[in-house]
Amino acid sequence: MKIYQKQIIIHYIKNFFIIFLALEFFYVGVDLLTTYQKLPKSANLQILYTMFQGMYAINYVLPLSVVFAMILTVTAMVKSNELVSMYTFGISKQSLMKPIFLSSLFIIIVYISLSFTQFSYAREYSNNILKFSQISTSTSDLFLKKNNKYIYFEKLDPIKKEATNIKIFNVVDRDIISIISAKKGYYKGKNWILVGVEKTIKPKVTALSDKGIKVLKYSKLEELKDFRPKIIDNIYKGKFNLSILDAIDALKFFNAQGLDTSRIKTIVFSQLFLPLFAPFLVLILMVRIPIIARYYSLSVVSFSLSFITVLVWGVLFLLSKLAINSVLAPELAIILPIFLLAVISIYSYFKE
């Protein structure tokens, strides 16, 4: 990497963090002012609520900060005549665009990787603190179907990944062939580990001499592979707030049951592809920034580009909401706009 490219990256990253932290503190500050009366009295819970709200704010603040940092960096270079000086030394516009684009792309990839973790549930945790003064809440009396099994949970804690009084009914051709009862269970790896298990097997009886019901007891038993607690809880509550890993598992679960998967697809597409609008928009807007400030008002240019950024982000956000409510197909609402932005950004880059 050349010296001027390192210098551009340093300026860009510095501006990114300044804008990101400013927007982050603004969002959290306004939220605390509006929810102050509802916050629990515990100082620990107040700190946790602030932290989770800050994590949730990243979803809105970070992509915008990536584009705003580019606008600030390049306009500052234009104002100080650094940009035109680099051109006079034979440095191409592509060479100047590349470090900022790659830096913004790296930031977005790091952000997308966070969506594979519990980071995706920050909003849910903050709401739990606000409503129930605790991070996790238990769900009671769940009755769900998975393939040929009907599952009942008397009580489920999705965060601790534990459940009590579990019953699993194995059904074949509308006939119950076995019932598994467990006092408690916990999700580990990809399976539920049931503790204190009693399995009742009902054989097909065709004659009086056939054996009857058989009862087996186990200290531990593995069941319900890939039946993640968060999927169970969110399906029951009608929510679709999932990490990418949980959303992919939910997609498999919904497909296996023959259910509509458009909302789950929207979650996966929104978390994987929607943030990519930021680096693509960086390339598109960089081409529109003038080389010298003599014939242009940089204030007007900066405001116009910032307005376009917010407008594009707002349209994409609206389309994602329409997709999650099944008004538009997720492929049409998310994949197509991002693809168009990618095509325009590639064209803008090679045109220069």
Protein backbone atom coordinates (compact mmCIF):
# COMPACT_ATOMS: atom_id res chain seq x y z
CA MET A 1 0.00 0.00 0.00
CA LYS A 2 1.29 3.44 -0.97
CA ILE A 3 1.85 6.27 1.51
CA TYR A 4 -0.94 8.50 0.18
CA GLN A 5 -3.41 5.59 0.41
CA LYS A 6 -2.44 4.96 4.04
CA GLN A 7 -2.92 8.64 4.77
CA ILE A 8 -6.39 8.62 3.18
CA ILE A 9 -7.40 5.53 5.20
CA ILE A 10 -6.19 7.11 8.46
CA HIS A 11 -8.21 10.28 7.79
CA TYR A 12 -11.26 8.26 6.75
CA ILE A 13 -11.20 5.96 9.82
CA LYS A 14 -10.72 8.95 12.14
CA ASN A 15 -13.69 10.77 10.61
CA PHE A 16 -15.76 7.60 10.70
CA PHE A 17 -15.26 7.13 14.45
CA ILE A 18 -15.99 10.81 15.16
CA ILE A 19 -19.28 10.69 13.23
CA PHE A 20 -20.20 7.23 14.49
CA LEU A 21 -19.70 8.11 18.16
CA ALA A 22 -21.53 11.43 17.75
CA LEU A 23 -24.59 9.76 16.18
CA GLU A 24 -24.44 6.89 18.67
CA PHE A 25 -24.43 9.17 21.71
CA PHE A 26 -27.16 11.29 20.17
CA TYR A 27 -29.43 8.28 19.59
CA VAL A 28 -28.86 6.81 23.06
CA GLY A 29 -29.18 10.22 24.72
CA VAL A 30 -32.54 10.95 23.10
CA ASP A 31 -33.77 7.45 23.96
CA LEU A 32 -32.78 7.85 27.61
CA LEU A 33 -34.58 11.19 27.79
CA THR A 34 -37.81 9.63 26.48
CA THR A 35 -37.65 6.46 28.64
CA TYR A 36 -36.11 7.88 31.82
CA GLN A 37 -39.33 7.56 33.87
CA LYS A 38 -39.76 3.91 32.82
CA LEU A 39 -36.22 2.77 33.64
CA PRO A 40 -35.78 0.36 36.58
CA LYS A 41 -34.29 1.76 39.79
CA SER A 42 -31.30 -0.57 39.68
CA ALA A 43 -28.15 1.17 38.43
CA ASN A 44 -26.87 -2.11 36.94
CA LEU A 45 -30.01 -2.53 34.86
CA GLN A 46 -29.84 1.09 33.75
CA ILE A 47 -26.26 0.56 32.54
CA LEU A 48 -27.27 -2.66 30.77
CA TYR A 49 -30.23 -0.92 29.14
CA THR A 50 -27.99 1.90 27.89
CA MET A 51 -25.46 -0.64 26.55
CA PHE A 52 -28.11 -2.69 24.72
CA GLN A 53 -29.70 0.44 23.25
CA GLY A 54 -26.27 1.53 22.05
CA MET A 55 -25.78 -1.85 20.39
CA TYR A 56 -29.20 -1.60 18.76
CA ALA A 57 -28.45 1.93 17.52
CA ILE A 58 -25.49 0.57 15.55
CA ASN A 59 -27.98 -0.89 13.05
CA TYR A 60 -29.03 2.63 12.04
CA VAL A 61 -25.93 4.67 12.80
CA LEU A 62 -23.06 2.61 11.36
CA PRO A 63 -24.08 2.40 7.66
CA LEU A 64 -24.80 6.14 7.60
CA SER A 65 -21.51 6.92 9.36
CA VAL A 66 -19.62 4.99 6.68
CA VAL A 67 -20.98 7.26 3.93
CA PHE A 68 -20.85 10.50 5.95
CA ALA A 69 -17.19 9.83 6.78
CA MET A 70 -16.38 9.59 3.08
CA ILE A 71 -18.16 12.89 2.38
CA LEU A 72 -16.28 14.62 5.21
CA THR A 73 -12.92 13.13 4.23
CA VAL A 74 -13.09 13.95 0.52
CA THR A 75 -14.56 17.46 0.95
CA ALA A 76 -11.80 18.23 3.48
CA MET A 77 -9.22 17.10 0.90
CA VAL A 78 -10.87 19.32 -1.72
CA LYS A 79 -10.95 22.33 0.62
CA SER A 80 -7.24 21.96 1.49
CA ASN A 81 -6.35 21.34 -2.19
CA GLU A 82 -4.90 17.92 -1.31
CA LEU A 83 -7.09 16.22 -3.92
CA VAL A 84 -6.04 18.39 -6.84
CA SER A 85 -2.39 18.15 -5.71
CA MET A 86 -2.57 14.37 -5.89
CA TYR A 87 -4.02 14.57 -9.39
CA THR A 88 -1.15 16.81 -10.50
CA PHE A 89 1.28 14.07 -9.43
CA GLY A 90 -0.46 11.63 -11.79
CA ILE A 91 -2.53 9.77 -9.20
CA SER A 92 -5.75 8.53 -10.76
CA LYS A 93 -9.19 8.97 -9.24
CA GLN A 94 -9.55 5.17 -9.07
CA SER A 95 -6.45 4.99 -6.86
CA LEU A 96 -8.01 7.54 -4.49
CA MET A 97 -11.41 5.83 -4.46
CA LYS A 98 -10.04 2.36 -3.74
CA PRO A 99 -8.73 2.85 -0.13
CA ILE A 100 -11.95 4.54 1.05
CA PHE A 101 -14.14 1.92 -0.63
CA LEU A 102 -12.15 -1.00 0.81
CA SER A 103 -12.14 0.59 4.27
CA SER A 104 -15.92 1.09 4.17
CA LEU A 105 -16.43 -2.45 2.87
CA PHE A 106 -14.30 -3.85 5.71
CA ILE A 107 -16.33 -1.94 8.32
CA ILE A 108 -19.59 -3.23 6.85
CA ILE A 109 -18.33 -6.83 6.75
CA VAL A 110 -17.38 -6.59 10.44
CA TYR A 111 -20.86 -5.22 11.15
CA ILE A 112 -22.52 -8.04 9.19
CA SER A 113 -20.47 -10.61 11.11
CA LEU A 114 -21.97 -9.24 14.35
CA SER A 115 -25.40 -10.29 13.07
CA PHE A 116 -24.33 -13.93 13.44
CA THR A 117 -24.10 -13.42 17.23
CA GLN A 118 -26.38 -12.42 20.11
CA PHE A 119 -25.84 -8.81 19.01
CA SER A 120 -29.05 -9.19 16.97
CA TYR A 121 -31.11 -9.50 20.18
CA ALA A 122 -29.95 -6.22 21.77
CA ARG A 123 -33.32 -4.56 21.17
CA GLU A 124 -35.17 -7.46 22.76
CA TYR A 125 -32.92 -7.42 25.83
CA SER A 126 -33.38 -3.66 26.32
CA ASN A 127 -37.17 -4.03 26.00
CA ASN A 128 -37.13 -6.81 28.60
CA ILE A 129 -35.23 -4.57 31.03
CA LEU A 130 -37.68 -1.74 30.41
CA LYS A 131 -40.82 -3.87 30.82
CA PHE A 132 -39.80 -6.64 33.24
CA SER A 133 -36.60 -5.31 34.89
CA GLN A 134 -34.65 -8.35 33.71
CA ILE A 135 -32.79 -9.38 30.55
CA SER A 136 -34.50 -12.71 29.96
CA THR A 137 -38.17 -13.57 30.17
CA SER A 138 -39.65 -17.05 30.23
CA THR A 139 -42.39 -18.19 27.88
CA SER A 140 -45.05 -20.56 29.19
CA ASP A 141 -47.22 -23.29 27.64
CA LEU A 142 -45.71 -23.63 24.18
CA PHE A 143 -47.12 -26.25 21.83
CA LEU A 144 -45.33 -26.61 18.47
CA LYS A 145 -44.93 -29.09 15.64
CA LYS A 146 -41.69 -30.29 14.07
CA ASN A 147 -42.01 -32.84 11.29
CA ASN A 148 -43.95 -35.74 12.82
CA LYS A 149 -43.41 -34.56 16.39
CA TYR A 150 -45.65 -32.39 18.55
CA ILE A 151 -43.69 -30.66 21.32
CA TYR A 152 -44.93 -29.07 24.54
CA PHE A 153 -42.85 -26.83 26.81
CA GLU A 154 -44.39 -25.78 30.09
CA LYS A 155 -41.72 -23.10 30.56
CA LEU A 156 -38.92 -21.96 28.24
CA ASP A 157 -36.07 -19.52 28.86
CA PRO A 158 -34.63 -18.73 25.39
CA ILE A 159 -31.57 -16.89 26.70
CA LYS A 160 -30.50 -19.55 29.20
CA LYS A 161 -31.58 -22.20 26.65
CA GLU A 162 -33.43 -24.17 29.30
CA ALA A 163 -36.94 -25.59 29.57
CA THR A 164 -39.00 -27.48 32.16
CA ASN A 165 -41.71 -30.15 31.88
CA ILE A 166 -41.16 -31.15 28.26
CA LYS A 167 -43.40 -33.57 26.38
CA ILE A 168 -42.77 -34.89 22.86
CA PHE A 169 -45.49 -36.77 21.01
CA ASN A 170 -44.27 -38.90 18.08
CA VAL A 171 -47.10 -39.28 15.56
CA VAL A 172 -47.24 -41.55 12.51
CA ASP A 173 -50.35 -41.57 10.31
CA ARG A 174 -52.31 -39.67 12.97
CA ASP A 175 -51.45 -42.32 15.55
CA ILE A 176 -49.32 -41.59 18.62
CA ILE A 177 -46.55 -44.20 18.74
CA SER A 178 -44.56 -42.80 21.67
CA ILE A 179 -44.55 -40.04 24.28
CA ILE A 180 -41.35 -38.64 25.77
CA SER A 181 -41.65 -36.79 29.08
CA ALA A 182 -38.78 -34.92 30.72
CA LYS A 183 -38.60 -32.86 33.89
CA LYS A 184 -36.20 -30.41 32.28
CA GLY A 185 -33.92 -29.94 29.30
CA TYR A 186 -31.23 -27.66 27.92
CA TYR A 187 -30.01 -26.89 24.42
CA LYS A 188 -26.38 -27.79 23.79
CA GLY A 189 -24.60 -27.98 20.45
CA LYS A 190 -27.40 -28.79 18.04
CA ASN A 191 -29.59 -30.95 20.30
CA TRP A 192 -31.83 -30.72 23.31
CA ILE A 193 -30.46 -32.73 26.25
CA LEU A 194 -33.46 -34.00 28.19
CA VAL A 195 -32.97 -34.85 31.87
CA GLY A 196 -35.13 -37.24 33.91
CA VAL A 197 -36.74 -38.84 30.88
CA GLU A 198 -39.61 -41.29 30.73
CA LYS A 199 -40.45 -42.73 27.31
CA THR A 200 -43.78 -44.45 26.79
CA ILE A 201 -43.96 -46.64 23.68
CA LYS A 202 -47.34 -47.72 22.33
CA PRO A 203 -46.98 -50.65 19.94
CA LYS A 204 -49.51 -51.68 17.32
CA VAL A 205 -51.75 -54.33 18.83
CA THR A 206 -53.33 -56.81 16.43
CA ALA A 207 -53.92 -59.72 18.82
CA LEU A 208 -54.41 -60.33 22.54
CA SER A 209 -50.99 -61.99 22.74
CA ASP A 210 -49.19 -58.85 21.52
CA LYS A 211 -47.13 -56.86 24.02
CA GLY A 212 -48.69 -53.73 25.43
CA ILE A 213 -47.36 -50.34 26.40
CA LYS A 214 -43.67 -50.21 27.30
CA VAL A 215 -42.17 -47.59 29.63
CA LEU A 216 -38.46 -46.80 29.45
CA LYS A 217 -36.51 -44.47 31.71
CA TYR A 218 -33.33 -42.52 30.90
CA SER A 219 -31.21 -40.18 32.95
CA LYS A 220 -30.41 -38.20 29.76
CA LEU A 221 -31.65 -38.32 26.19
CA GLU A 222 -30.83 -36.27 23.07
CA GLU A 223 -33.80 -35.06 21.04
CA LEU A 224 -35.05 -32.24 18.76
CA LYS A 225 -31.99 -31.59 16.63
CA ASP A 226 -31.57 -27.98 15.36
CA PHE A 227 -34.64 -26.83 17.31
CA ARG A 228 -33.09 -23.62 18.64
CA PRO A 229 -34.72 -21.97 21.69
CA LYS A 230 -34.86 -18.52 20.07
CA ILE A 231 -36.69 -19.97 17.06
CA ILE A 232 -39.24 -21.60 19.38
CA ASP A 233 -39.74 -18.45 21.43
CA ASN A 234 -40.01 -16.04 18.49
CA ILE A 235 -42.37 -18.27 16.51
CA TYR A 236 -44.63 -18.55 19.54
CA LYS A 237 -44.60 -14.81 20.20
CA GLY A 238 -45.02 -13.94 16.53
CA LYS A 239 -41.71 -12.04 16.45
CA PHE A 240 -39.09 -12.18 13.75
CA ASN A 241 -36.07 -10.79 15.55
CA LEU A 242 -33.35 -13.36 14.88
CA SER A 243 -29.63 -13.61 14.33
CA ILE A 244 -28.52 -14.83 10.90
CA LEU A 245 -27.72 -18.34 12.22
CA ASP A 246 -31.08 -18.61 13.98
CA ALA A 247 -32.85 -17.18 10.92
CA ILE A 248 -31.26 -19.78 8.64
CA ASP A 249 -32.35 -22.55 11.02
CA ALA A 250 -35.83 -21.02 11.18
CA LEU A 251 -35.90 -20.95 7.38
CA LYS A 252 -35.16 -24.69 7.31
CA PHE A 253 -37.80 -25.28 9.98
CA PHE A 254 -40.47 -23.30 8.12
CA ASN A 255 -39.66 -25.02 4.83
CA ALA A 256 -39.92 -28.45 6.46
CA GLN A 257 -43.37 -27.56 7.81
CA GLY A 258 -44.52 -26.10 4.50
CA LEU A 259 -45.01 -22.62 6.00
CA ASP A 260 -44.49 -19.17 4.48
CA THR A 261 -40.81 -18.18 4.65
CA SER A 262 -40.95 -14.65 3.19
CA ARG A 263 -40.44 -12.93 6.56
CA ILE A 264 -37.50 -15.14 7.49
CA LYS A 265 -35.94 -14.51 4.08
CA THR A 266 -36.35 -10.78 4.67
CA ILE A 267 -34.43 -11.06 7.97
CA VAL A 268 -31.57 -12.96 6.30
CA PHE A 269 -31.42 -10.61 3.30
CA SER A 270 -31.69 -7.49 5.48
CA GLN A 271 -28.80 -8.54 7.68
CA LEU A 272 -26.59 -9.97 4.94
CA PHE A 273 -27.14 -7.63 1.98
CA LEU A 274 -28.87 -4.42 3.07
CA PRO A 275 -25.77 -2.91 4.85
CA LEU A 276 -23.81 -3.27 1.59
CA PHE A 277 -25.60 -0.21 0.25
CA ALA A 278 -23.10 1.93 2.20
CA PRO A 279 -19.83 0.99 0.40
CA PHE A 280 -21.61 0.97 -2.97
CA LEU A 281 -23.03 4.43 -2.26
CA VAL A 282 -19.53 5.59 -1.25
CA LEU A 283 -18.27 4.84 -4.77
CA ILE A 284 -21.27 6.45 -6.45
CA LEU A 285 -21.07 9.69 -4.43
CA MET A 286 -17.28 10.05 -4.56
CA VAL A 287 -17.50 10.56 -8.32
CA ARG A 288 -19.91 13.47 -7.80
CA ILE A 289 -17.64 15.46 -5.47
CA PRO A 290 -15.82 18.25 -7.38
CA ILE A 291 -12.03 18.29 -7.61
CA ILE A 292 -11.61 21.94 -6.60
CA ALA A 293 -13.76 24.21 -4.44
CA ARG A 294 -13.36 27.36 -6.55
CA TYR A 295 -16.53 26.92 -8.61
CA TYR A 296 -18.64 25.06 -6.05
CA SER A 297 -19.94 25.59 -2.54
CA LEU A 298 -18.66 22.65 -0.52
CA SER A 299 -21.37 23.26 2.08
CA VAL A 300 -24.07 22.78 -0.54
CA VAL A 301 -22.29 19.75 -2.00
CA SER A 302 -21.90 18.13 1.44
CA PHE A 303 -25.53 18.81 2.34
CA SER A 304 -26.77 17.44 -1.01
CA LEU A 305 -24.74 14.24 -0.72
CA SER A 306 -25.79 13.76 2.91
CA PHE A 307 -29.44 14.26 1.92
CA ILE A 308 -29.08 11.68 -0.88
CA THR A 309 -27.51 9.24 1.59
CA VAL A 310 -30.36 9.59 4.08
CA LEU A 311 -32.90 9.37 1.25
CA VAL A 312 -31.42 6.13 -0.14
CA TRP A 313 -31.18 4.64 3.34
CA GLY A 314 -34.79 5.65 4.06
CA VAL A 315 -36.09 4.08 0.84
CA LEU A 316 -34.20 0.83 1.51
CA PHE A 317 -35.47 0.78 5.11
CA LEU A 318 -39.05 1.30 3.88
CA LEU A 319 -38.70 -1.50 1.33
CA SER A 320 -37.40 -3.88 4.01
CA LYS A 321 -40.42 -3.06 6.21
CA LEU A 322 -42.76 -3.72 3.28
CA ALA A 323 -41.00 -7.06 2.70
CA ILE A 324 -41.21 -8.16 6.34
CA ASN A 325 -44.97 -7.44 6.24
CA SER A 326 -45.24 -9.58 3.08
CA VAL A 327 -46.29 -6.61 0.91
CA LEU A 328 -43.28 -7.11 -1.40
CA ALA A 329 -41.14 -10.16 -2.08
CA PRO A 330 -37.78 -9.93 -0.22
CA GLU A 331 -35.90 -10.54 -3.48
CA LEU A 332 -37.63 -7.53 -5.04
CA ALA A 333 -37.44 -5.28 -1.98
CA ILE A 334 -33.85 -5.96 -0.90
CA ILE A 335 -31.79 -7.96 -3.40
CA LEU A 336 -32.80 -5.95 -6.49
CA PRO A 337 -32.03 -2.44 -5.06
CA ILE A 338 -28.66 -3.56 -3.68
CA PHE A 339 -27.84 -5.21 -7.02
CA LEU A 340 -28.70 -2.00 -8.87
CA LEU A 341 -26.53 0.05 -6.50
CA ALA A 342 -23.67 -2.41 -7.06
CA VAL A 343 -23.99 -2.15 -10.85
CA ILE A 344 -24.08 1.68 -10.72
CA SER A 345 -21.08 1.82 -8.37
CA ILE A 346 -19.01 -0.52 -10.57
CA TYR A 347 -19.93 1.55 -13.63
CA SER A 348 -18.97 4.77 -11.82
CA TYR A 349 -15.64 3.31 -10.72
CA PHE A 350 -14.53 2.07 -14.15
CA LYS A 351 -15.92 5.13 -15.91
CA GLU A 352 -13.40 7.24 -13.99
